[in-house]
N, C-alpha and C. Protein backbone atom coordinates (compact mmCIF):
# COMPACT_ATOMS: atom_id res chain seq x y z
N UNK A 1 95.25 139.46 109.78
CA UNK A 1 95.20 139.50 108.33
C UNK A 1 94.50 138.25 107.82
N UNK A 2 93.55 138.41 106.97
CA UNK A 2 92.81 137.28 106.42
C UNK A 2 93.14 137.12 104.94
N UNK A 3 93.57 135.93 104.58
CA UNK A 3 93.83 135.63 103.18
C UNK A 3 92.70 134.78 102.66
N UNK A 4 92.28 135.03 101.45
CA UNK A 4 91.19 134.26 100.85
C UNK A 4 90.82 134.86 99.53
N UNK A 5 90.04 134.14 98.79
CA UNK A 5 89.59 134.65 97.51
C UNK A 5 88.60 135.78 97.72
N UNK A 6 88.71 136.78 96.91
CA UNK A 6 87.76 137.87 96.93
C UNK A 6 87.18 137.97 95.52
N UNK A 7 85.91 137.71 95.42
CA UNK A 7 85.23 137.78 94.14
C UNK A 7 84.02 138.66 94.35
N UNK A 8 83.91 139.70 93.58
CA UNK A 8 82.79 140.61 93.75
C UNK A 8 82.86 141.36 95.06
N UNK A 9 84.06 141.44 95.65
CA UNK A 9 84.24 142.20 96.87
C UNK A 9 83.95 141.44 98.15
N UNK A 10 83.50 140.20 98.07
CA UNK A 10 83.19 139.42 99.26
C UNK A 10 84.24 138.36 99.50
N UNK A 11 84.79 138.32 100.69
CA UNK A 11 85.76 137.29 101.03
C UNK A 11 85.06 135.96 101.19
N UNK A 12 85.66 134.91 100.67
CA UNK A 12 85.09 133.58 100.79
C UNK A 12 85.53 132.90 102.07
N UNK A 13 86.36 133.54 102.88
CA UNK A 13 86.82 132.93 104.11
C UNK A 13 87.95 131.96 103.87
N UNK A 14 88.25 131.16 104.88
CA UNK A 14 89.36 130.22 104.79
C UNK A 14 88.94 128.98 104.02
N UNK A 15 89.89 128.50 103.22
CA UNK A 15 89.63 127.33 102.39
C UNK A 15 90.81 126.38 102.52
N UNK A 16 90.60 125.13 102.14
CA UNK A 16 91.65 124.12 102.10
C UNK A 16 91.80 123.66 100.66
N UNK A 17 93.03 123.72 100.15
CA UNK A 17 93.35 123.23 98.81
C UNK A 17 94.35 122.10 98.95
N UNK A 18 93.96 120.91 98.59
CA UNK A 18 94.83 119.74 98.61
C UNK A 18 95.34 119.56 97.19
N UNK A 19 96.64 119.70 96.99
CA UNK A 19 97.22 119.60 95.66
C UNK A 19 97.80 118.21 95.45
N UNK A 20 97.39 117.56 94.36
CA UNK A 20 97.86 116.21 94.06
C UNK A 20 98.42 116.16 92.64
N UNK A 21 99.59 115.51 92.48
CA UNK A 21 100.14 115.33 91.14
C UNK A 21 99.47 114.13 90.47
N UNK A 22 99.18 114.28 89.19
CA UNK A 22 98.55 113.19 88.42
C UNK A 22 99.25 113.06 87.07
N UNK A 23 99.23 111.87 86.53
CA UNK A 23 99.87 111.64 85.23
C UNK A 23 98.96 111.99 84.06
N UNK A 24 97.66 111.79 84.23
CA UNK A 24 96.70 112.02 83.14
C UNK A 24 95.54 112.83 83.70
N UNK A 25 95.48 114.11 83.36
CA UNK A 25 94.48 115.01 83.96
C UNK A 25 93.05 114.58 83.62
N UNK A 26 92.80 114.11 82.42
CA UNK A 26 91.45 113.69 82.05
C UNK A 26 91.00 112.48 82.86
N UNK A 27 91.88 111.48 82.99
CA UNK A 27 91.56 110.29 83.77
C UNK A 27 91.32 110.66 85.23
N UNK A 28 92.20 111.49 85.79
CA UNK A 28 92.08 111.88 87.20
C UNK A 28 90.81 112.69 87.43
N UNK A 29 90.49 113.60 86.53
CA UNK A 29 89.28 114.42 86.67
C UNK A 29 88.04 113.54 86.65
N UNK A 30 87.97 112.61 85.73
CA UNK A 30 86.82 111.69 85.66
C UNK A 30 86.70 110.86 86.93
N UNK A 31 87.84 110.40 87.46
CA UNK A 31 87.84 109.60 88.69
C UNK A 31 87.26 110.41 89.85
N UNK A 32 87.74 111.63 90.05
CA UNK A 32 87.27 112.44 91.17
C UNK A 32 85.82 112.88 90.99
N UNK A 33 85.39 113.10 89.76
CA UNK A 33 83.97 113.39 89.52
C UNK A 33 83.11 112.19 89.92
N UNK A 34 83.58 110.98 89.63
CA UNK A 34 82.84 109.77 90.01
C UNK A 34 82.75 109.61 91.52
N UNK A 35 83.72 110.17 92.25
CA UNK A 35 83.69 110.11 93.72
C UNK A 35 82.77 111.16 94.32
N UNK A 36 82.27 112.08 93.50
CA UNK A 36 81.35 113.09 94.00
C UNK A 36 81.90 114.51 94.02
N UNK A 37 83.12 114.71 93.54
CA UNK A 37 83.68 116.06 93.45
C UNK A 37 83.10 116.75 92.22
N UNK A 38 83.04 118.07 92.26
CA UNK A 38 82.57 118.86 91.13
C UNK A 38 83.74 119.65 90.56
N UNK A 39 83.89 119.60 89.25
CA UNK A 39 84.97 120.35 88.60
C UNK A 39 84.56 121.80 88.46
N UNK A 40 85.43 122.70 88.90
CA UNK A 40 85.22 124.13 88.74
C UNK A 40 86.01 124.57 87.51
N UNK A 41 85.32 124.86 86.43
CA UNK A 41 85.96 125.22 85.16
C UNK A 41 86.81 126.48 85.28
N UNK A 42 86.41 127.40 86.15
CA UNK A 42 87.15 128.65 86.32
C UNK A 42 88.56 128.41 86.85
N UNK A 43 88.77 127.32 87.58
CA UNK A 43 90.07 126.98 88.16
C UNK A 43 90.64 125.72 87.52
N UNK A 44 90.34 125.51 86.25
CA UNK A 44 90.81 124.33 85.53
C UNK A 44 91.32 124.74 84.16
N UNK A 45 92.27 123.96 83.66
CA UNK A 45 92.77 124.16 82.30
C UNK A 45 93.26 122.81 81.77
N UNK A 46 94.08 122.81 80.73
CA UNK A 46 94.50 121.55 80.13
C UNK A 46 95.48 120.76 80.99
N UNK A 47 96.06 121.35 82.03
CA UNK A 47 97.01 120.64 82.89
C UNK A 47 96.56 120.52 84.35
N UNK A 48 95.48 121.19 84.72
CA UNK A 48 95.01 121.17 86.11
C UNK A 48 93.50 121.20 86.18
N UNK A 49 92.96 120.56 87.22
CA UNK A 49 91.52 120.60 87.48
C UNK A 49 91.27 120.97 88.93
N UNK A 50 90.45 121.99 89.13
CA UNK A 50 90.02 122.37 90.47
C UNK A 50 88.76 121.58 90.80
N UNK A 51 88.88 120.63 91.72
CA UNK A 51 87.78 119.73 92.06
C UNK A 51 87.24 120.10 93.44
N UNK A 52 85.97 120.46 93.49
CA UNK A 52 85.35 120.93 94.73
C UNK A 52 84.68 119.77 95.48
N UNK A 53 85.08 119.60 96.74
CA UNK A 53 84.37 118.68 97.63
C UNK A 53 83.17 119.41 98.21
N UNK A 54 83.43 120.64 98.62
CA UNK A 54 82.38 121.57 99.02
C UNK A 54 82.94 122.98 98.78
N UNK A 55 82.31 123.99 99.28
CA UNK A 55 82.75 125.36 98.99
C UNK A 55 84.09 125.71 99.61
N UNK A 56 84.51 124.98 100.63
CA UNK A 56 85.75 125.34 101.32
C UNK A 56 86.86 124.31 101.18
N UNK A 57 86.58 123.13 100.66
CA UNK A 57 87.60 122.09 100.51
C UNK A 57 87.67 121.67 99.05
N UNK A 58 88.85 121.84 98.49
CA UNK A 58 89.08 121.51 97.08
C UNK A 58 90.27 120.57 96.96
N UNK A 59 90.26 119.75 95.92
CA UNK A 59 91.42 118.98 95.52
C UNK A 59 91.86 119.55 94.17
N UNK A 60 93.08 120.03 94.13
CA UNK A 60 93.65 120.56 92.90
C UNK A 60 94.49 119.46 92.26
N UNK A 61 94.05 118.97 91.11
CA UNK A 61 94.77 117.94 90.38
C UNK A 61 95.66 118.63 89.35
N UNK A 62 96.94 118.30 89.33
CA UNK A 62 97.86 118.93 88.37
C UNK A 62 98.77 117.88 87.76
N UNK A 63 98.92 117.96 86.44
CA UNK A 63 99.86 117.07 85.77
C UNK A 63 101.27 117.37 86.28
N UNK A 64 102.13 116.35 86.20
CA UNK A 64 103.47 116.42 86.79
C UNK A 64 104.25 117.68 86.42
N UNK A 65 104.29 118.03 85.13
CA UNK A 65 105.11 119.17 84.70
C UNK A 65 104.68 120.46 85.40
N UNK A 66 103.39 120.66 85.58
CA UNK A 66 102.90 121.85 86.27
C UNK A 66 103.17 121.76 87.77
N UNK A 67 102.88 120.61 88.37
CA UNK A 67 103.06 120.39 89.80
C UNK A 67 104.52 120.61 90.21
N UNK A 68 105.46 120.15 89.38
CA UNK A 68 106.89 120.25 89.71
C UNK A 68 107.36 121.70 89.86
N UNK A 69 106.67 122.65 89.26
CA UNK A 69 107.06 124.05 89.39
C UNK A 69 107.06 124.52 90.84
N UNK A 70 106.29 123.87 91.69
CA UNK A 70 106.14 124.28 93.08
C UNK A 70 107.07 123.52 94.03
N UNK A 71 107.95 122.66 93.51
CA UNK A 71 108.76 121.79 94.35
C UNK A 71 110.19 122.25 94.55
N UNK A 72 110.60 123.33 93.89
CA UNK A 72 111.94 123.88 94.06
C UNK A 72 113.02 122.81 93.87
N UNK A 73 112.88 122.01 92.81
CA UNK A 73 113.88 120.99 92.49
C UNK A 73 113.65 119.63 93.12
N UNK A 74 112.72 119.52 94.03
CA UNK A 74 112.43 118.22 94.66
C UNK A 74 111.67 117.34 93.68
N UNK A 75 111.68 116.04 93.92
CA UNK A 75 111.02 115.07 93.06
C UNK A 75 109.62 114.75 93.58
N UNK A 76 108.75 114.41 92.65
CA UNK A 76 107.41 113.94 93.00
C UNK A 76 107.53 112.51 93.52
N UNK A 77 106.87 112.21 94.62
CA UNK A 77 106.89 110.86 95.18
C UNK A 77 106.20 109.89 94.23
N UNK A 78 106.74 108.68 94.12
CA UNK A 78 106.09 107.63 93.34
C UNK A 78 105.04 106.99 94.25
N UNK A 79 103.83 107.51 94.19
CA UNK A 79 102.78 107.07 95.10
C UNK A 79 102.24 105.68 94.77
N UNK A 80 102.73 105.07 93.69
CA UNK A 80 102.41 103.66 93.43
C UNK A 80 103.24 102.77 94.35
N UNK A 81 104.37 103.30 94.87
CA UNK A 81 105.29 102.52 95.70
C UNK A 81 105.39 103.03 97.13
N UNK A 82 105.21 104.34 97.33
CA UNK A 82 105.34 104.93 98.66
C UNK A 82 104.14 105.82 98.93
N UNK A 83 103.89 106.09 100.19
CA UNK A 83 102.78 106.96 100.56
C UNK A 83 103.35 108.29 101.03
N UNK A 84 102.71 109.37 100.61
CA UNK A 84 103.15 110.69 101.05
C UNK A 84 102.13 111.36 101.95
N UNK A 85 100.87 110.94 101.86
CA UNK A 85 99.81 111.53 102.69
C UNK A 85 98.57 110.65 102.65
N UNK A 86 97.74 110.77 103.65
CA UNK A 86 96.44 110.11 103.69
C UNK A 86 95.43 111.22 103.98
N UNK A 87 94.53 111.44 103.04
CA UNK A 87 93.60 112.56 103.11
C UNK A 87 92.20 112.02 103.33
N UNK A 88 91.59 112.35 104.47
CA UNK A 88 90.29 111.79 104.83
C UNK A 88 89.16 112.78 104.55
N UNK A 89 88.05 112.23 104.07
CA UNK A 89 86.82 112.98 103.82
C UNK A 89 85.72 112.33 104.64
N UNK A 90 84.99 113.13 105.41
CA UNK A 90 83.94 112.58 106.27
C UNK A 90 82.60 112.56 105.55
N UNK A 91 81.75 111.64 105.99
CA UNK A 91 80.42 111.47 105.42
C UNK A 91 79.38 111.48 106.53
N UNK A 92 78.16 111.86 106.17
CA UNK A 92 77.06 111.92 107.14
C UNK A 92 76.50 110.55 107.48
N UNK A 93 76.73 109.56 106.60
CA UNK A 93 76.18 108.22 106.80
C UNK A 93 77.24 107.17 106.48
N UNK A 94 77.09 105.96 107.04
CA UNK A 94 78.00 104.87 106.67
C UNK A 94 77.89 104.54 105.18
N UNK A 95 76.68 104.66 104.63
CA UNK A 95 76.46 104.37 103.21
C UNK A 95 77.27 105.32 102.33
N UNK A 96 77.36 106.58 102.73
CA UNK A 96 78.15 107.55 101.97
C UNK A 96 79.61 107.15 101.91
N UNK A 97 80.17 106.72 103.05
CA UNK A 97 81.56 106.28 103.09
C UNK A 97 81.75 105.04 102.23
N UNK A 98 80.82 104.12 102.31
CA UNK A 98 80.88 102.88 101.53
C UNK A 98 80.75 103.18 100.03
N UNK A 99 79.83 104.05 99.66
CA UNK A 99 79.62 104.39 98.25
C UNK A 99 80.85 105.07 97.64
N UNK A 100 81.55 105.88 98.42
CA UNK A 100 82.78 106.53 97.97
C UNK A 100 83.80 105.46 97.57
N UNK A 101 83.97 104.44 98.42
CA UNK A 101 84.92 103.35 98.13
C UNK A 101 84.48 102.56 96.91
N UNK A 102 83.19 102.28 96.80
CA UNK A 102 82.69 101.54 95.64
C UNK A 102 82.89 102.33 94.35
N UNK A 103 82.67 103.63 94.40
CA UNK A 103 82.87 104.48 93.21
C UNK A 103 84.34 104.48 92.81
N UNK A 104 85.23 104.47 93.78
CA UNK A 104 86.66 104.42 93.47
C UNK A 104 86.99 103.14 92.70
N UNK A 105 86.53 102.01 93.21
CA UNK A 105 86.80 100.73 92.55
C UNK A 105 86.19 100.67 91.16
N UNK A 106 85.01 101.22 90.99
CA UNK A 106 84.32 101.17 89.69
C UNK A 106 84.96 102.09 88.66
N UNK A 107 85.86 102.98 89.11
CA UNK A 107 86.44 103.97 88.20
C UNK A 107 87.97 103.94 88.16
N UNK A 108 88.54 102.78 88.36
CA UNK A 108 89.98 102.62 88.20
C UNK A 108 90.81 102.77 89.45
N UNK A 109 90.18 102.93 90.59
CA UNK A 109 90.91 103.03 91.85
C UNK A 109 90.83 101.73 92.63
N UNK A 110 91.32 101.77 93.84
CA UNK A 110 91.28 100.61 94.74
C UNK A 110 90.74 101.06 96.09
N UNK A 111 90.20 100.11 96.84
CA UNK A 111 89.80 100.42 98.21
C UNK A 111 90.03 99.20 99.09
N UNK A 112 90.21 99.46 100.37
CA UNK A 112 90.36 98.39 101.35
C UNK A 112 90.02 98.95 102.72
N UNK A 113 89.77 98.05 103.66
CA UNK A 113 89.46 98.47 105.03
C UNK A 113 90.58 98.04 105.96
N UNK A 114 90.82 98.84 106.98
CA UNK A 114 91.77 98.52 108.03
C UNK A 114 90.97 98.18 109.27
N UNK A 115 91.24 97.03 109.85
CA UNK A 115 90.52 96.62 111.06
C UNK A 115 91.02 97.45 112.24
N UNK A 116 90.13 98.29 112.77
CA UNK A 116 90.49 99.19 113.86
C UNK A 116 89.99 98.69 115.22
N UNK A 117 89.21 97.61 115.22
CA UNK A 117 88.66 97.12 116.47
C UNK A 117 87.50 97.95 116.98
N UNK A 118 86.93 98.78 116.11
CA UNK A 118 85.79 99.63 116.46
C UNK A 118 84.58 99.12 115.70
N UNK A 119 83.46 98.88 116.38
CA UNK A 119 82.27 98.38 115.67
C UNK A 119 81.84 99.33 114.56
N UNK A 120 81.38 98.75 113.44
CA UNK A 120 80.93 99.56 112.30
C UNK A 120 79.77 100.47 112.66
N UNK A 121 79.05 100.16 113.72
CA UNK A 121 77.95 101.02 114.15
C UNK A 121 78.46 102.30 114.80
N UNK A 122 79.76 102.34 115.13
CA UNK A 122 80.38 103.51 115.76
C UNK A 122 81.24 104.30 114.78
N UNK A 123 81.95 103.56 113.91
CA UNK A 123 82.87 104.21 112.96
C UNK A 123 83.09 103.28 111.78
N UNK A 124 83.10 103.84 110.59
CA UNK A 124 83.32 103.05 109.38
C UNK A 124 84.23 103.85 108.45
N UNK A 125 85.27 103.20 107.98
CA UNK A 125 86.19 103.89 107.08
C UNK A 125 86.73 102.97 106.00
N UNK A 126 87.09 103.56 104.88
CA UNK A 126 87.68 102.84 103.76
C UNK A 126 88.89 103.63 103.26
N UNK A 127 89.98 102.92 103.02
CA UNK A 127 91.15 103.51 102.39
C UNK A 127 90.92 103.42 100.89
N UNK A 128 91.22 104.49 100.17
CA UNK A 128 90.99 104.54 98.73
C UNK A 128 92.28 105.03 98.06
N UNK A 129 92.68 104.32 97.01
CA UNK A 129 93.80 104.75 96.18
C UNK A 129 93.26 105.21 94.85
N UNK A 130 93.63 106.43 94.43
CA UNK A 130 93.22 106.89 93.10
C UNK A 130 94.12 106.22 92.06
N UNK A 131 93.85 106.37 90.77
CA UNK A 131 94.67 105.70 89.76
C UNK A 131 96.16 106.07 89.79
N UNK A 132 96.50 107.21 90.39
CA UNK A 132 97.90 107.61 90.52
C UNK A 132 98.53 107.14 91.82
N UNK A 133 97.76 106.48 92.68
CA UNK A 133 98.28 105.98 93.95
C UNK A 133 98.14 106.94 95.11
N UNK A 134 97.54 108.11 94.91
CA UNK A 134 97.29 109.03 96.02
C UNK A 134 96.25 108.40 96.94
N UNK A 135 96.48 108.45 98.25
CA UNK A 135 95.60 107.77 99.19
C UNK A 135 94.61 108.72 99.84
N UNK A 136 93.35 108.34 99.73
CA UNK A 136 92.23 109.06 100.34
C UNK A 136 91.59 108.13 101.35
N UNK A 137 90.69 108.67 102.14
CA UNK A 137 89.93 107.85 103.08
C UNK A 137 88.53 108.41 103.17
N UNK A 138 87.55 107.50 103.12
CA UNK A 138 86.17 107.90 103.39
C UNK A 138 85.85 107.41 104.80
N UNK A 139 85.29 108.28 105.62
CA UNK A 139 85.05 107.91 107.01
C UNK A 139 83.72 108.46 107.50
N UNK A 140 83.04 107.65 108.28
CA UNK A 140 81.84 108.05 108.99
C UNK A 140 82.05 107.72 110.46
N UNK A 141 81.68 108.66 111.34
CA UNK A 141 81.76 108.44 112.78
C UNK A 141 80.43 108.83 113.40
N UNK A 142 79.88 107.95 114.18
CA UNK A 142 78.60 108.20 114.84
C UNK A 142 78.70 109.46 115.70
N UNK A 143 77.75 110.36 115.51
CA UNK A 143 77.71 111.57 116.32
C UNK A 143 78.55 112.73 115.80
N UNK A 144 79.24 112.54 114.68
CA UNK A 144 80.08 113.62 114.13
C UNK A 144 79.69 113.94 112.72
C-alpha cells in the first residue's frame, strides 16, 4: 500500500514532512524563506506554513495552538532550553552549507560548528538554531 498525495490522479510518491512548533508564523516563515525554503501557499494559512526544501522534503511550521492538537495532551518542548531533534539538510558544496548558516544568523537565528576532527575538505557542517530554538544542520560531505 502506498500513501502519498494524489493530485490530478498522479501519486507524488513518498515524502518527508518535518513538523515544527513556532511562536510567530510570520517570523518563522520569513526565516525559513531566507534559508532557501519555498512557501507553498496551498498548504499554508494564518497558523501554518508549508515550507518546501524540495519536492519531497517539507518543513511544516505551525503556531503552538495548532501544533498542540496533534500531541494528545503532551506539552511542546521549550526548545530555547532543551533539544528535541536535530534535523540535517545536505548541500552539494561546502559554500552551500556555509551560506545556510550565514543566512540563519542574518535572519534572527544562530549558528555554530562542532569540531568533529574531520578536515573541512572532507566534511563541513554547521549547527543552526531557528528563532524558536529548533535545531537544524547544514552539511556537505565529499562524494555524497
